[in-house]
């Protein structure tokens, strides 16, 4: 299932309007509340379980990495 990058970007920009989701250093811009907000928003939207263990600098480095994380969770779910 191909996740639309723009859909994820729009979702996250709605809940975190001050974050630059085009940044290649996205993780550096996020505080713990921002990370939690991203995980909760994507979990709810896509019906997947994202937990603290998923909140790695690699997974949240860029929007592309966030999309890959979501796709991997959806594929693992079946």
N, C-alpha and C. Protein backbone atom coordinates (compact mmCIF):
# COMPACT_ATOMS: atom_id res chain seq x y z
N UNK A 1 0.85 -1.19 0.00
CA UNK A 1 0.00 0.00 0.00
C UNK A 1 0.89 1.25 0.00
N UNK A 2 0.70 2.05 -0.98
CA UNK A 2 1.50 3.26 -1.12
C UNK A 2 0.88 4.38 -0.29
N UNK A 3 1.65 4.86 0.65
CA UNK A 3 1.17 5.96 1.49
C UNK A 3 1.52 7.27 0.80
N UNK A 4 0.58 8.15 0.74
CA UNK A 4 0.81 9.42 0.07
C UNK A 4 1.57 10.37 1.00
N UNK A 5 2.77 10.72 0.56
CA UNK A 5 3.64 11.61 1.33
C UNK A 5 2.94 12.94 1.64
N UNK A 6 2.24 13.49 0.66
CA UNK A 6 1.57 14.78 0.87
C UNK A 6 0.46 14.69 1.91
N UNK A 7 -0.21 13.53 1.97
CA UNK A 7 -1.27 13.33 2.96
C UNK A 7 -0.68 13.37 4.37
N UNK A 8 0.43 12.66 4.55
CA UNK A 8 1.09 12.65 5.86
C UNK A 8 1.59 14.05 6.20
N UNK A 9 2.17 14.73 5.23
CA UNK A 9 2.68 16.08 5.47
C UNK A 9 1.55 17.01 5.89
N UNK A 10 0.43 16.95 5.19
CA UNK A 10 -0.71 17.81 5.52
C UNK A 10 -1.26 17.50 6.91
N UNK A 11 -1.36 16.22 7.23
CA UNK A 11 -1.83 15.81 8.57
C UNK A 11 -0.95 16.40 9.66
N UNK A 12 0.36 16.24 9.48
CA UNK A 12 1.30 16.68 10.50
C UNK A 12 1.41 18.20 10.58
N UNK A 13 1.29 18.86 9.43
CA UNK A 13 1.33 20.33 9.45
C UNK A 13 0.10 20.90 10.17
N UNK A 14 -1.01 20.18 10.10
CA UNK A 14 -2.21 20.62 10.83
C UNK A 14 -1.99 20.61 12.33
N UNK A 15 -1.32 19.56 12.83
CA UNK A 15 -1.15 19.43 14.28
C UNK A 15 0.12 20.11 14.80
N UNK A 16 1.10 20.30 13.91
CA UNK A 16 2.37 20.95 14.29
C UNK A 16 2.73 22.02 13.26
N UNK A 17 1.98 23.11 13.23
CA UNK A 17 2.17 24.12 12.17
C UNK A 17 3.52 24.83 12.19
N UNK A 18 4.23 24.82 13.29
CA UNK A 18 5.51 25.54 13.37
C UNK A 18 6.71 24.69 12.93
N UNK A 19 6.49 23.42 12.64
CA UNK A 19 7.58 22.52 12.27
C UNK A 19 7.76 22.51 10.75
N UNK A 20 9.01 22.57 10.31
CA UNK A 20 9.32 22.51 8.88
C UNK A 20 9.48 21.05 8.46
N UNK A 21 8.43 20.48 7.89
CA UNK A 21 8.47 19.07 7.51
C UNK A 21 9.26 18.81 6.24
N UNK A 22 9.79 19.86 5.61
CA UNK A 22 10.67 19.68 4.46
C UNK A 22 12.14 19.63 4.89
N UNK A 23 12.39 19.80 6.17
CA UNK A 23 13.76 19.81 6.68
C UNK A 23 14.39 18.42 6.62
N UNK A 24 15.68 18.37 6.33
CA UNK A 24 16.42 17.11 6.39
C UNK A 24 16.90 16.83 7.80
N UNK A 25 16.63 17.75 8.71
CA UNK A 25 17.02 17.58 10.11
C UNK A 25 15.78 17.72 10.98
N UNK A 26 14.70 17.11 10.53
CA UNK A 26 13.41 17.22 11.18
C UNK A 26 13.47 16.85 12.66
N UNK A 27 14.15 15.75 12.98
CA UNK A 27 14.20 15.29 14.36
C UNK A 27 14.77 16.36 15.29
N UNK A 28 15.73 17.13 14.81
CA UNK A 28 16.35 18.17 15.63
C UNK A 28 15.36 19.29 15.97
N UNK A 29 14.33 19.44 15.15
CA UNK A 29 13.34 20.49 15.39
C UNK A 29 12.24 20.08 16.38
N UNK A 30 12.18 18.79 16.68
CA UNK A 30 11.07 18.28 17.48
C UNK A 30 11.42 18.20 18.95
N UNK A 31 10.46 18.60 19.80
CA UNK A 31 10.60 18.34 21.23
C UNK A 31 9.79 17.08 21.53
N UNK A 32 9.77 16.66 22.78
CA UNK A 32 9.09 15.40 23.12
C UNK A 32 7.60 15.46 22.82
N UNK A 33 7.00 16.63 23.00
CA UNK A 33 5.57 16.76 22.69
C UNK A 33 5.35 16.63 21.17
N UNK A 34 6.22 17.21 20.39
CA UNK A 34 6.12 17.09 18.94
C UNK A 34 6.24 15.65 18.47
N UNK A 35 7.20 14.93 19.03
CA UNK A 35 7.38 13.51 18.69
C UNK A 35 6.13 12.72 19.06
N UNK A 36 5.62 12.94 20.27
CA UNK A 36 4.42 12.24 20.72
C UNK A 36 3.23 12.56 19.83
N UNK A 37 3.10 13.82 19.45
CA UNK A 37 2.00 14.25 18.58
C UNK A 37 2.07 13.54 17.23
N UNK A 38 3.26 13.44 16.66
CA UNK A 38 3.43 12.75 15.38
C UNK A 38 3.01 11.29 15.52
N UNK A 39 3.51 10.62 16.55
CA UNK A 39 3.19 9.20 16.72
C UNK A 39 1.70 8.98 16.92
N UNK A 40 1.08 9.80 17.74
CA UNK A 40 -0.36 9.65 18.01
C UNK A 40 -1.19 9.95 16.76
N UNK A 41 -0.84 11.00 16.04
CA UNK A 41 -1.59 11.38 14.84
C UNK A 41 -1.54 10.28 13.79
N UNK A 42 -0.35 9.75 13.54
CA UNK A 42 -0.19 8.71 12.52
C UNK A 42 -0.81 7.39 12.97
N UNK A 43 -0.72 7.08 14.24
CA UNK A 43 -1.35 5.86 14.77
C UNK A 43 -2.85 5.89 14.55
N UNK A 44 -3.46 7.02 14.88
CA UNK A 44 -4.91 7.18 14.74
C UNK A 44 -5.32 7.15 13.27
N UNK A 45 -4.61 7.89 12.44
CA UNK A 45 -4.98 8.01 11.02
C UNK A 45 -4.87 6.69 10.27
N UNK A 46 -3.82 5.93 10.55
CA UNK A 46 -3.55 4.73 9.76
C UNK A 46 -3.87 3.43 10.50
N UNK A 47 -4.37 3.53 11.72
CA UNK A 47 -4.74 2.33 12.47
C UNK A 47 -3.56 1.42 12.78
N UNK A 48 -2.43 2.04 13.08
CA UNK A 48 -1.21 1.28 13.40
C UNK A 48 -0.76 1.63 14.80
N UNK A 49 0.13 0.80 15.35
CA UNK A 49 0.67 1.08 16.68
C UNK A 49 2.06 1.66 16.55
N UNK A 50 2.18 2.93 16.89
CA UNK A 50 3.49 3.57 16.96
C UNK A 50 3.75 3.89 18.42
N UNK A 51 4.91 3.46 18.90
CA UNK A 51 5.23 3.62 20.31
C UNK A 51 6.53 4.40 20.47
N UNK A 52 6.89 4.64 21.70
CA UNK A 52 8.12 5.39 21.99
C UNK A 52 9.33 4.76 21.31
N UNK A 53 9.34 3.44 21.22
CA UNK A 53 10.48 2.76 20.60
C UNK A 53 10.63 3.12 19.11
N UNK A 54 9.54 3.57 18.49
CA UNK A 54 9.58 3.97 17.08
C UNK A 54 10.11 5.40 16.89
N UNK A 55 10.19 6.15 17.97
CA UNK A 55 10.58 7.56 17.90
C UNK A 55 12.09 7.73 17.88
N UNK A 56 12.73 7.13 16.87
CA UNK A 56 14.18 7.21 16.76
C UNK A 56 14.57 8.38 15.86
N UNK A 57 15.78 8.91 16.03
CA UNK A 57 16.24 9.96 15.13
C UNK A 57 16.19 9.51 13.66
N UNK A 58 16.46 8.23 13.40
CA UNK A 58 16.42 7.72 12.03
C UNK A 58 14.99 7.78 11.48
N UNK A 59 14.02 7.30 12.24
CA UNK A 59 12.62 7.28 11.78
C UNK A 59 12.05 8.68 11.59
N UNK A 60 12.52 9.63 12.38
CA UNK A 60 11.96 10.98 12.35
C UNK A 60 12.92 12.01 11.74
N UNK A 61 13.91 11.52 11.00
CA UNK A 61 14.92 12.41 10.42
C UNK A 61 14.33 13.32 9.35
N UNK A 62 13.39 12.78 8.58
CA UNK A 62 12.78 13.54 7.49
C UNK A 62 11.38 13.01 7.22
N UNK A 63 10.64 13.73 6.42
CA UNK A 63 9.30 13.29 6.06
C UNK A 63 9.36 11.95 5.32
N UNK A 64 10.35 11.76 4.46
CA UNK A 64 10.50 10.49 3.75
C UNK A 64 10.68 9.33 4.73
N UNK A 65 11.47 9.55 5.77
CA UNK A 65 11.68 8.50 6.76
C UNK A 65 10.39 8.20 7.54
N UNK A 66 9.62 9.24 7.82
CA UNK A 66 8.33 9.04 8.51
C UNK A 66 7.40 8.20 7.63
N UNK A 67 7.36 8.51 6.33
CA UNK A 67 6.53 7.74 5.40
C UNK A 67 6.97 6.27 5.39
N UNK A 68 8.28 6.03 5.34
CA UNK A 68 8.80 4.65 5.35
C UNK A 68 8.40 3.92 6.62
N UNK A 69 8.47 4.61 7.76
CA UNK A 69 8.10 4.01 9.04
C UNK A 69 6.62 3.60 9.02
N UNK A 70 5.76 4.50 8.54
CA UNK A 70 4.33 4.21 8.48
C UNK A 70 4.06 3.04 7.54
N UNK A 71 4.69 3.04 6.37
CA UNK A 71 4.50 1.95 5.41
C UNK A 71 4.95 0.62 6.00
N UNK A 72 6.08 0.62 6.71
CA UNK A 72 6.58 -0.61 7.32
C UNK A 72 5.60 -1.14 8.37
N UNK A 73 5.03 -0.24 9.18
CA UNK A 73 4.05 -0.65 10.20
C UNK A 73 2.78 -1.21 9.57
N UNK A 74 2.33 -0.58 8.49
CA UNK A 74 1.12 -1.06 7.80
C UNK A 74 1.38 -2.42 7.18
N UNK A 75 2.55 -2.57 6.56
CA UNK A 75 2.88 -3.86 5.94
C UNK A 75 3.05 -4.96 6.98
N UNK A 76 3.62 -4.64 8.12
CA UNK A 76 3.81 -5.62 9.19
C UNK A 76 2.46 -6.06 9.77
N UNK A 77 1.52 -5.12 9.78
CA UNK A 77 0.19 -5.39 10.31
C UNK A 77 -0.57 -6.36 9.39
N UNK A 78 -0.23 -6.30 8.10
CA UNK A 78 -0.88 -7.20 7.15
C UNK A 78 -1.98 -6.52 6.44
